[in-house]
Amino acid sequence: MGHYLYKLIPPRRTFMADMTADEAAIMEQHFAYWAGLLEGGAVVVYGPVNDPAGGYGLAILEAANEQVARNIGDADPAVANHLGSFQVFEMPATIVRA
């Protein structure tokens, strides 16, 4: 098993501050999806990042390979509902606390 950084890129820079009610409903599905992945052990940590240049979502995944990590991203309700895109980056030498 390896670790992968998952970055959810929102549809606009101001998304975290001005999402619509419909977008908020999709984001509730998104958070439930990631909570399930965390509970199931596929996610080490996840959450929003308040970057002054524009917020985004971030997660560290534990997956057998990059394709598995990408499949997790493809199934994200935010991505599946065209509310954002994502990037996945392999972390080839992670150090994880016990």
PDB file of N, CA and C in Angstrom:
ATOM      1  N   MET A   1       0.844  -1.183   0.000  1.00  0.00           N
ATOM      2  CA  MET A   1       0.000   0.000   0.000  1.00  0.00           C
ATOM      3  C   MET A   1       0.884   1.239   0.000  1.00  0.00           C
ATOM      4  N   GLY A   2       0.470   2.208  -0.786  1.00  0.00           N
ATOM      5  CA  GLY A   2       1.197   3.464  -0.847  1.00  0.00           C
ATOM      6  C   GLY A   2       0.311   4.626  -0.454  1.00  0.00           C
ATOM      7  N   HIS A   3       0.903   5.794  -0.357  1.00  0.00           N
ATOM      8  CA  HIS A   3       0.161   7.005  -0.006  1.00  0.00           C
ATOM      9  C   HIS A   3       0.113   7.946  -1.202  1.00  0.00           C
ATOM     10  N   TYR A   4      -1.017   8.617  -1.332  1.00  0.00           N
ATOM     11  CA  TYR A   4      -1.257   9.530  -2.442  1.00  0.00           C
ATOM     12  C   TYR A   4      -1.917  10.791  -1.921  1.00  0.00           C
ATOM     13  N   LEU A   5      -1.462  11.923  -2.439  1.00  0.00           N
ATOM     14  CA  LEU A   5      -2.087  13.198  -2.133  1.00  0.00           C
ATOM     15  C   LEU A   5      -3.202  13.415  -3.146  1.00  0.00           C
ATOM     16  N   TYR A   6      -4.372  13.736  -2.639  1.00  0.00           N
ATOM     17  CA  TYR A   6      -5.538  14.028  -3.471  1.00  0.00           C
ATOM     18  C   TYR A   6      -5.880  15.493  -3.268  1.00  0.00           C
ATOM     19  N   LYS A   7      -5.952  16.237  -4.356  1.00  0.00           N
ATOM     20  CA  LYS A   7      -6.313  17.655  -4.286  1.00  0.00           C
ATOM     21  C   LYS A   7      -7.590  17.867  -5.090  1.00  0.00           C
ATOM     22  N   LEU A   8      -8.641  18.325  -4.407  1.00  0.00           N
ATOM     23  CA  LEU A   8      -9.908  18.646  -5.063  1.00  0.00           C
ATOM     24  C   LEU A   8      -9.880  20.124  -5.443  1.00  0.00           C
ATOM     25  N   ILE A   9      -9.994  20.401  -6.714  1.00  0.00           N
ATOM     26  CA  ILE A   9      -9.931  21.763  -7.228  1.00  0.00           C
ATOM     27  C   ILE A   9     -11.362  22.244  -7.473  1.00  0.00           C
ATOM     28  N   PRO A  10     -11.803  23.267  -6.745  1.00  0.00           N
ATOM     29  CA  PRO A  10     -13.182  23.733  -6.871  1.00  0.00           C
ATOM     30  C   PRO A  10     -13.427  24.461  -8.198  1.00  0.00           C
ATOM     31  N   PRO A  11     -14.693  24.709  -8.513  1.00  0.00           N
ATOM     32  CA  PRO A  11     -15.023  25.324  -9.798  1.00  0.00           C
ATOM     33  C   PRO A  11     -14.626  26.797  -9.919  1.00  0.00           C
ATOM     34  N   ARG A  12     -14.377  27.451  -8.781  1.00  0.00           N
ATOM     35  CA  ARG A  12     -13.956  28.861  -8.805  1.00  0.00           C
ATOM     36  C   ARG A  12     -13.193  29.159  -7.527  1.00  0.00           C
ATOM     37  N   ARG A  13     -12.395  30.198  -7.563  1.00  0.00           N
ATOM     38  CA  ARG A  13     -11.529  30.565  -6.441  1.00  0.00           C
ATOM     39  C   ARG A  13     -12.325  30.876  -5.179  1.00  0.00           C
ATOM     40  N   THR A  14     -13.492  31.437  -5.307  1.00  0.00           N
ATOM     41  CA  THR A  14     -14.306  31.882  -4.169  1.00  0.00           C
ATOM     42  C   THR A  14     -15.307  30.835  -3.697  1.00  0.00           C
ATOM     43  N   PHE A  15     -15.215  29.638  -4.214  1.00  0.00           N
ATOM     44  CA  PHE A  15     -16.228  28.601  -3.978  1.00  0.00           C
ATOM     45  C   PHE A  15     -16.547  28.373  -2.499  1.00  0.00           C
ATOM     46  N   MET A  16     -15.530  28.304  -1.655  1.00  0.00           N
ATOM     47  CA  MET A  16     -15.766  27.992  -0.243  1.00  0.00           C
ATOM     48  C   MET A  16     -16.611  29.069   0.440  1.00  0.00           C
ATOM     49  N   ALA A  17     -16.579  30.290  -0.070  1.00  0.00           N
ATOM     50  CA  ALA A  17     -17.319  31.393   0.542  1.00  0.00           C
ATOM     51  C   ALA A  17     -18.670  31.645  -0.104  1.00  0.00           C
ATOM     52  N   ASP A  18     -18.849  31.224  -1.366  1.00  0.00           N
ATOM     53  CA  ASP A  18     -20.077  31.623  -2.053  1.00  0.00           C
ATOM     54  C   ASP A  18     -20.811  30.486  -2.764  1.00  0.00           C
ATOM     55  N   MET A  19     -20.648  29.246  -2.290  1.00  0.00           N
ATOM     56  CA  MET A  19     -21.348  28.146  -2.953  1.00  0.00           C
ATOM     57  C   MET A  19     -22.861  28.323  -2.823  1.00  0.00           C
ATOM     58  N   THR A  20     -23.565  27.878  -3.842  1.00  0.00           N
ATOM     59  CA  THR A  20     -25.020  27.952  -3.860  1.00  0.00           C
ATOM     60  C   THR A  20     -25.604  26.827  -3.006  1.00  0.00           C
ATOM     61  N   ALA A  21     -26.906  26.874  -2.798  1.00  0.00           N
ATOM     62  CA  ALA A  21     -27.581  25.817  -2.031  1.00  0.00           C
ATOM     63  C   ALA A  21     -27.439  24.465  -2.733  1.00  0.00           C
ATOM     64  N   ASP A  22     -27.548  24.447  -4.045  1.00  0.00           N
ATOM     65  CA  ASP A  22     -27.379  23.195  -4.791  1.00  0.00           C
ATOM     66  C   ASP A  22     -25.953  22.657  -4.658  1.00  0.00           C
ATOM     67  N   GLU A  23     -24.979  23.557  -4.729  1.00  0.00           N
ATOM     68  CA  GLU A  23     -23.588  23.151  -4.556  1.00  0.00           C
ATOM     69  C   GLU A  23     -23.340  22.651  -3.140  1.00  0.00           C
ATOM     70  N   ALA A  24     -23.937  23.308  -2.157  1.00  0.00           N
ATOM     71  CA  ALA A  24     -23.773  22.877  -0.764  1.00  0.00           C
ATOM     72  C   ALA A  24     -24.338  21.472  -0.562  1.00  0.00           C
ATOM     73  N   ALA A  25     -25.441  21.156  -1.226  1.00  0.00           N
ATOM     74  CA  ALA A  25     -26.029  19.814  -1.113  1.00  0.00           C
ATOM     75  C   ALA A  25     -25.079  18.759  -1.679  1.00  0.00           C
ATOM     76  N   ILE A  26     -24.434  19.073  -2.790  1.00  0.00           N
ATOM     77  CA  ILE A  26     -23.449  18.146  -3.362  1.00  0.00           C
ATOM     78  C   ILE A  26     -22.258  18.009  -2.425  1.00  0.00           C
ATOM     79  N   MET A  27     -21.840  19.115  -1.819  1.00  0.00           N
ATOM     80  CA  MET A  27     -20.698  19.055  -0.906  1.00  0.00           C
ATOM     81  C   MET A  27     -21.033  18.235   0.347  1.00  0.00           C
ATOM     82  N   GLU A  28     -22.286  18.210   0.770  1.00  0.00           N
ATOM     83  CA  GLU A  28     -22.673  17.326   1.882  1.00  0.00           C
ATOM     84  C   GLU A  28     -22.454  15.872   1.484  1.00  0.00           C
ATOM     85  N   GLN A  29     -22.803  15.529   0.246  1.00  0.00           N
ATOM     86  CA  GLN A  29     -22.556  14.169  -0.257  1.00  0.00           C
ATOM     87  C   GLN A  29     -21.051  13.896  -0.310  1.00  0.00           C
ATOM     88  N   HIS A  30     -20.300  14.893  -0.740  1.00  0.00           N
ATOM     89  CA  HIS A  30     -18.838  14.793  -0.810  1.00  0.00           C
ATOM     90  C   HIS A  30     -18.255  14.485   0.570  1.00  0.00           C
ATOM     91  N   PHE A  31     -18.665  15.237   1.586  1.00  0.00           N
ATOM     92  CA  PHE A  31     -18.132  15.013   2.933  1.00  0.00           C
ATOM     93  C   PHE A  31     -18.543  13.654   3.480  1.00  0.00           C
ATOM     94  N   ALA A  32     -19.768  13.213   3.198  1.00  0.00           N
ATOM     95  CA  ALA A  32     -20.206  11.887   3.637  1.00  0.00           C
ATOM     96  C   ALA A  32     -19.376  10.797   2.960  1.00  0.00           C
ATOM     97  N   TYR A  33     -19.091  10.983   1.692  1.00  0.00           N
ATOM     98  CA  TYR A  33     -18.258  10.030   0.944  1.00  0.00           C
ATOM     99  C   TYR A  33     -16.881   9.904   1.582  1.00  0.00           C
ATOM    100  N   TRP A  34     -16.250  11.045   1.877  1.00  0.00           N
ATOM    101  CA  TRP A  34     -14.915  11.019   2.457  1.00  0.00           C
ATOM    102  C   TRP A  34     -14.926  10.510   3.890  1.00  0.00           C
ATOM    103  N   ALA A  35     -15.988  10.784   4.636  1.00  0.00           N
ATOM    104  CA  ALA A  35     -16.102  10.241   5.997  1.00  0.00           C
ATOM    105  C   ALA A  35     -16.148   8.714   5.949  1.00  0.00           C
ATOM    106  N   GLY A  36     -16.858   8.174   4.966  1.00  0.00           N
ATOM    107  CA  GLY A  36     -16.909   6.722   4.801  1.00  0.00           C
ATOM    108  C   GLY A  36     -15.552   6.140   4.444  1.00  0.00           C
ATOM    109  N   LEU A  37     -14.813   6.842   3.587  1.00  0.00           N
ATOM    110  CA  LEU A  37     -13.468   6.379   3.232  1.00  0.00           C
ATOM    111  C   LEU A  37     -12.526   6.423   4.434  1.00  0.00           C
ATOM    112  N   LEU A  38     -12.674   7.457   5.251  1.00  0.00           N
ATOM    113  CA  LEU A  38     -11.864   7.565   6.464  1.00  0.00           C
ATOM    114  C   LEU A  38     -12.193   6.411   7.417  1.00  0.00           C
ATOM    115  N   GLU A  39     -13.466   6.178   7.602  1.00  0.00           N
ATOM    116  CA  GLU A  39     -13.926   5.088   8.474  1.00  0.00           C
ATOM    117  C   GLU A  39     -13.427   3.731   7.967  1.00  0.00           C
ATOM    118  N   GLY A  40     -13.405   3.561   6.648  1.00  0.00           N
ATOM    119  CA  GLY A  40     -12.968   2.299   6.048  1.00  0.00           C
ATOM    120  C   GLY A  40     -11.464   2.130   5.958  1.00  0.00           C
ATOM    121  N   GLY A  41     -10.711   3.175   6.282  1.00  0.00           N
ATOM    122  CA  GLY A  41      -9.261   3.066   6.316  1.00  0.00           C
ATOM    123  C   GLY A  41      -8.538   3.479   5.044  1.00  0.00           C
ATOM    124  N   ALA A  42      -9.271   3.899   4.004  1.00  0.00           N
ATOM    125  CA  ALA A  42      -8.617   4.302   2.759  1.00  0.00           C
ATOM    126  C   ALA A  42      -8.052   5.717   2.833  1.00  0.00           C
ATOM    127  N   VAL A  43      -8.495   6.490   3.825  1.00  0.00           N
ATOM    128  CA  VAL A  43      -8.064   7.879   3.955  1.00  0.00           C
ATOM    129  C   VAL A  43      -7.387   8.068   5.302  1.00  0.00           C
ATOM    130  N   VAL A  44      -6.248   8.732   5.283  1.00  0.00           N
ATOM    131  CA  VAL A  44      -5.511   9.029   6.508  1.00  0.00           C
ATOM    132  C   VAL A  44      -6.034  10.317   7.124  1.00  0.00           C
ATOM    133  N   VAL A  45      -6.252  11.335   6.284  1.00  0.00           N
ATOM    134  CA  VAL A  45      -6.737  12.635   6.727  1.00  0.00           C
ATOM    135  C   VAL A  45      -7.368  13.330   5.519  1.00  0.00           C
ATOM    136  N   TYR A  46      -8.372  14.178   5.759  1.00  0.00           N
ATOM    137  CA  TYR A  46      -8.952  14.960   4.666  1.00  0.00           C
ATOM    138  C   TYR A  46      -9.584  16.223   5.227  1.00  0.00           C
ATOM    139  N   GLY A  47      -9.762  17.218   4.362  1.00  0.00           N
ATOM    140  CA  GLY A  47     -10.450  18.429   4.771  1.00  0.00           C
ATOM    141  C   GLY A  47     -10.155  19.596   3.845  1.00  0.00           C
ATOM    142  N   PRO A  48     -10.843  20.721   4.090  1.00  0.00           N
ATOM    143  CA  PRO A  48     -10.626  21.910   3.266  1.00  0.00           C
ATOM    144  C   PRO A  48      -9.348  22.632   3.666  1.00  0.00           C
ATOM    145  N   VAL A  49      -8.769  23.343   2.703  1.00  0.00           N
ATOM    146  CA  VAL A  49      -7.564  24.137   2.926  1.00  0.00           C
ATOM    147  C   VAL A  49      -7.911  25.598   2.627  1.00  0.00           C
ATOM    148  N   ASN A  50      -7.671  26.480   3.576  1.00  0.00           N
ATOM    149  CA  ASN A  50      -7.940  27.906   3.401  1.00  0.00           C
ATOM    150  C   ASN A  50      -6.716  28.599   2.810  1.00  0.00           C
ATOM    151  N   ASP A  51      -6.489  28.377   1.550  1.00  0.00           N
ATOM    152  CA  ASP A  51      -5.380  29.022   0.838  1.00  0.00           C
ATOM    153  C   ASP A  51      -5.821  30.437   0.454  1.00  0.00           C
ATOM    154  N   PRO A  52      -5.052  31.473   0.791  1.00  0.00           N
ATOM    155  CA  PRO A  52      -5.426  32.838   0.413  1.00  0.00           C
ATOM    156  C   PRO A  52      -5.630  33.011  -1.097  1.00  0.00           C
ATOM    157  N   ALA A  53      -4.991  32.178  -1.893  1.00  0.00           N
ATOM    158  CA  ALA A  53      -5.149  32.263  -3.344  1.00  0.00           C
ATOM    159  C   ALA A  53      -6.417  31.565  -3.827  1.00  0.00           C
ATOM    160  N   GLY A  54      -7.109  30.890  -2.928  1.00  0.00           N
ATOM    161  CA  GLY A  54      -8.321  30.143  -3.271  1.00  0.00           C
ATOM    162  C   GLY A  54      -8.304  28.796  -2.603  1.00  0.00           C
ATOM    163  N   GLY A  55      -9.346  28.498  -1.851  1.00  0.00           N
ATOM    164  CA  GLY A  55      -9.395  27.252  -1.099  1.00  0.00           C
ATOM    165  C   GLY A  55      -9.539  26.035  -2.001  1.00  0.00           C
ATOM    166  N   TYR A  56      -9.250  24.879  -1.441  1.00  0.00           N
ATOM    167  CA  TYR A  56      -9.377  23.599  -2.135  1.00  0.00           C
ATOM    168  C   TYR A  56      -9.492  22.500  -1.094  1.00  0.00           C
ATOM    169  N   GLY A  57      -9.786  21.297  -1.532  1.00  0.00           N
ATOM    170  CA  GLY A  57      -9.839  20.151  -0.644  1.00  0.00           C
ATOM    171  C   GLY A  57      -8.568  19.336  -0.752  1.00  0.00           C
ATOM    172  N   LEU A  58      -8.208  18.679   0.340  1.00  0.00           N
ATOM    173  CA  LEU A  58      -6.982  17.892   0.365  1.00  0.00           C
ATOM    174  C   LEU A  58      -7.227  16.612   1.153  1.00  0.00           C
ATOM    175  N   ALA A  59      -6.661  15.525   0.679  1.00  0.00           N
ATOM    176  CA  ALA A  59      -6.719  14.258   1.406  1.00  0.00           C
ATOM    177  C   ALA A  59      -5.427  13.501   1.180  1.00  0.00           C
ATOM    178  N   ILE A  60      -5.090  12.674   2.132  1.00  0.00           N
ATOM    179  CA  ILE A  60      -4.007  11.702   1.971  1.00  0.00           C
ATOM    180  C   ILE A  60      -4.675  10.339   1.942  1.00  0.00           C
ATOM    181  N   LEU A  61      -4.491   9.646   0.837  1.00  0.00           N
ATOM    182  CA  LEU A  61      -5.104   8.336   0.626  1.00  0.00           C
ATOM    183  C   LEU A  61      -4.075   7.234   0.832  1.00  0.00           C
ATOM    184  N   GLU A  62      -4.539   6.096   1.266  1.00  0.00           N
ATOM    185  CA  GLU A  62      -3.727   4.884   1.297  1.00  0.00           C
ATOM    186  C   GLU A  62      -4.358   3.945   0.281  1.00  0.00           C
ATOM    187  N   ALA A  63      -3.595   3.610  -0.762  1.00  0.00           N
ATOM    188  CA  ALA A  63      -4.152   2.806  -1.848  1.00  0.00           C
ATOM    189  C   ALA A  63      -3.089   1.862  -2.405  1.00  0.00           C
ATOM    190  N   ALA A  64      -3.566   0.814  -3.053  1.00  0.00           N
ATOM    191  CA  ALA A  64      -2.664  -0.189  -3.623  1.00  0.00           C
ATOM    192  C   ALA A  64      -1.823   0.377  -4.760  1.00  0.00           C
ATOM    193  N   ASN A  65      -2.400   1.341  -5.499  1.00  0.00           N
ATOM    194  CA  ASN A  65      -1.672   1.959  -6.609  1.00  0.00           C
ATOM    195  C   ASN A  65      -2.377   3.256  -7.010  1.00  0.00           C
ATOM    196  N   GLU A  66      -1.763   3.967  -7.933  1.00  0.00           N
ATOM    197  CA  GLU A  66      -2.307   5.263  -8.334  1.00  0.00           C
ATOM    198  C   GLU A  66      -3.686   5.141  -8.979  1.00  0.00           C
ATOM    199  N   GLN A  67      -3.924   4.074  -9.722  1.00  0.00           N
ATOM    200  CA  GLN A  67      -5.234   3.920 -10.360  1.00  0.00           C
ATOM    201  C   GLN A  67      -6.330   3.782  -9.317  1.00  0.00           C
ATOM    202  N   VAL A  68      -6.065   3.070  -8.245  1.00  0.00           N
ATOM    203  CA  VAL A  68      -7.053   2.951  -7.162  1.00  0.00           C
ATOM    204  C   VAL A  68      -7.328   4.331  -6.564  1.00  0.00           C
ATOM    205  N   ALA A  69      -6.275   5.113  -6.362  1.00  0.00           N
ATOM    206  CA  ALA A  69      -6.442   6.475  -5.843  1.00  0.00           C
ATOM    207  C   ALA A  69      -7.267   7.316  -6.819  1.00  0.00           C
ATOM    208  N   ARG A  70      -7.016   7.192  -8.098  1.00  0.00           N
ATOM    209  CA  ARG A  70      -7.786   7.937  -9.107  1.00  0.00           C
ATOM    210  C   ARG A  70      -9.242   7.481  -9.152  1.00  0.00           C
ATOM    211  N   ASN A  71      -9.478   6.187  -8.963  1.00  0.00           N
ATOM    212  CA  ASN A  71     -10.856   5.686  -8.916  1.00  0.00           C
ATOM    213  C   ASN A  71     -11.617   6.302  -7.752  1.00  0.00           C
ATOM    214  N   ILE A  72     -10.941   6.462  -6.616  1.00  0.00           N
ATOM    215  CA  ILE A  72     -11.555   7.124  -5.462  1.00  0.00           C
ATOM    216  C   ILE A  72     -11.931   8.556  -5.844  1.00  0.00           C
ATOM    217  N   GLY A  73     -11.035   9.243  -6.531  1.00  0.00           N
ATOM    218  CA  GLY A  73     -11.326  10.600  -6.975  1.00  0.00           C
ATOM    219  C   GLY A  73     -12.474  10.670  -7.961  1.00  0.00           C
ATOM    220  N   ASP A  74     -12.501   9.747  -8.905  1.00  0.00           N
ATOM    221  CA  ASP A  74     -13.584   9.728  -9.896  1.00  0.00           C
ATOM    222  C   ASP A  74     -14.948   9.527  -9.250  1.00  0.00           C
ATOM    223  N   ALA A  75     -14.993   8.771  -8.156  1.00  0.00           N
ATOM    224  CA  ALA A  75     -16.258   8.482  -7.474  1.00  0.00           C
ATOM    225  C   ALA A  75     -16.672   9.569  -6.484  1.00  0.00           C
ATOM    226  N   ASP A  76     -15.819  10.548  -6.243  1.00  0.00           N
ATOM    227  CA  ASP A  76     -16.146  11.657  -5.348  1.00  0.00           C
ATOM    228  C   ASP A  76     -17.386  12.368  -5.897  1.00  0.00           C
ATOM    229  N   PRO A  77     -18.440  12.523  -5.096  1.00  0.00           N
ATOM    230  CA  PRO A  77     -19.646  13.197  -5.593  1.00  0.00           C
ATOM    231  C   PRO A  77     -19.395  14.594  -6.147  1.00  0.00           C
ATOM    232  N   ALA A  78     -18.438  15.315  -5.610  1.00  0.00           N
ATOM    233  CA  ALA A  78     -18.125  16.647  -6.149  1.00  0.00           C
ATOM    234  C   ALA A  78     -17.605  16.526  -7.579  1.00  0.00           C
ATOM    235  N   VAL A  79     -16.784  15.544  -7.842  1.00  0.00           N
ATOM    236  CA  VAL A  79     -16.234  15.331  -9.182  1.00  0.00           C
ATOM    237  C   VAL A  79     -17.307  14.744 -10.100  1.00  0.00           C
ATOM    238  N   ALA A  80     -18.014  13.734  -9.617  1.00  0.00           N
ATOM    239  CA  ALA A  80     -19.041  13.075 -10.430  1.00  0.00           C
ATOM    240  C   ALA A  80     -20.150  14.040 -10.838  1.00  0.00           C
ATOM    241  N   ASN A  81     -20.391  15.063 -10.024  1.00  0.00           N
ATOM    242  CA  ASN A  81     -21.419  16.065 -10.326  1.00  0.00           C
ATOM    243  C   ASN A  81     -20.824  17.319 -10.963  1.00  0.00           C
ATOM    244  N   HIS A  82     -19.613  17.221 -11.458  1.00  0.00           N
ATOM    245  CA  HIS A  82     -18.944  18.303 -12.198  1.00  0.00           C
ATOM    246  C   HIS A  82     -18.805  19.580 -11.379  1.00  0.00           C
ATOM    247  N   LEU A  83     -18.573  19.408 -10.082  1.00  0.00           N
ATOM    248  CA  LEU A  83     -18.403  20.548  -9.186  1.00  0.00           C
ATOM    249  C   LEU A  83     -16.930  20.795  -8.887  1.00  0.00           C
ATOM    250  N   GLY A  84     -16.080  20.123  -9.573  1.00  0.00           N
ATOM    251  CA  GLY A  84     -14.652  20.300  -9.387  1.00  0.00           C
ATOM    252  C   GLY A  84     -13.899  19.219 -10.130  1.00  0.00           C
ATOM    253  N   SER A  85     -12.604  19.360 -10.129  1.00  0.00           N
ATOM    254  CA  SER A  85     -11.718  18.357 -10.701  1.00  0.00           C
ATOM    255  C   SER A  85     -10.711  17.984  -9.618  1.00  0.00           C
ATOM    256  N   PHE A  86      -9.876  17.017  -9.917  1.00  0.00           N
ATOM    257  CA  PHE A  86      -8.900  16.617  -8.903  1.00  0.00           C
ATOM    258  C   PHE A  86      -7.577  16.263  -9.535  1.00  0.00           C
ATOM    259  N   GLN A  87      -6.576  16.257  -8.678  1.00  0.00           N
ATOM    260  CA  GLN A  87      -5.240  15.789  -9.043  1.00  0.00           C
ATOM    261  C   GLN A  87      -4.824  14.762  -7.991  1.00  0.00           C
ATOM    262  N   VAL A  88      -4.056  13.786  -8.412  1.00  0.00           N
ATOM    263  CA  VAL A  88      -3.510  12.775  -7.507  1.00  0.00           C
ATOM    264  C   VAL A  88      -2.007  12.735  -7.718  1.00  0.00           C
ATOM    265  N   PHE A  89      -1.264  12.739  -6.609  1.00  0.00           N
ATOM    266  CA  PHE A  89       0.191  12.688  -6.661  1.00  0.00           C
ATOM    267  C   PHE A  89       0.687  11.587  -5.736  1.00  0.00           C
ATOM    268  N   GLU A  90       1.555  10.735  -6.248  1.00  0.00           N
ATOM    269  CA  GLU A  90       2.146   9.686  -5.430  1.00  0.00           C
ATOM    270  C   GLU A  90       3.094  10.311  -4.408  1.00  0.00           C
ATOM    271  N   MET A  91       3.087   9.762  -3.214  1.00  0.00           N
ATOM    272  CA  MET A  91       4.020  10.160  -2.151  1.00  0.00           C
ATOM    273  C   MET A  91       4.956   8.961  -1.957  1.00  0.00           C
ATOM    274  N   PRO A  92       6.091   8.933  -2.642  1.00  0.00           N
ATOM    275  CA  PRO A  92       6.898   7.709  -2.712  1.00  0.00           C
ATOM    276  C   PRO A  92       7.632   7.318  -1.437  1.00  0.00           C
ATOM    277  N   ALA A  93       7.758   8.205  -0.484  1.00  0.00           N
ATOM    278  CA  ALA A  93       8.513   7.867   0.729  1.00  0.00           C
ATOM    279  C   ALA A  93       7.862   8.492   1.957  1.00  0.00           C
ATOM    280  N   THR A  94       6.647   8.065   2.266  1.00  0.00           N
ATOM    281  CA  THR A  94       5.948   8.655   3.398  1.00  0.00           C
ATOM    282  C   THR A  94       6.468   8.102   4.724  1.00  0.00           C
ATOM    283  N   ILE A  95       6.397   8.944   5.717  1.00  0.00           N
ATOM    284  CA  ILE A  95       6.729   8.569   7.088  1.00  0.00           C
ATOM    285  C   ILE A  95       5.468   8.824   7.891  1.00  0.00           C
ATOM    286  N   VAL A  96       4.915   7.785   8.485  1.00  0.00           N
ATOM    287  CA  VAL A  96       3.630   7.875   9.157  1.00  0.00           C
ATOM    288  C   VAL A  96       3.817   7.582  10.637  1.00  0.00           C
ATOM    289  N   ARG A  97       3.230   8.402  11.480  1.00  0.00           N
ATOM    290  CA  ARG A  97       3.357   8.147  12.913  1.00  0.00           C
ATOM    291  C   ARG A  97       2.579   6.890  13.284  1.00  0.00           C
ATOM    292  N   ALA A  98       3.017   6.257  14.331  1.00  0.00           N
ATOM    293  CA  ALA A  98       2.412   5.004  14.788  1.00  0.00           C
ATOM    294  C   ALA A  98       1.052   5.258  15.402  1.00  0.00           C
TER     295      ALA A  98
END
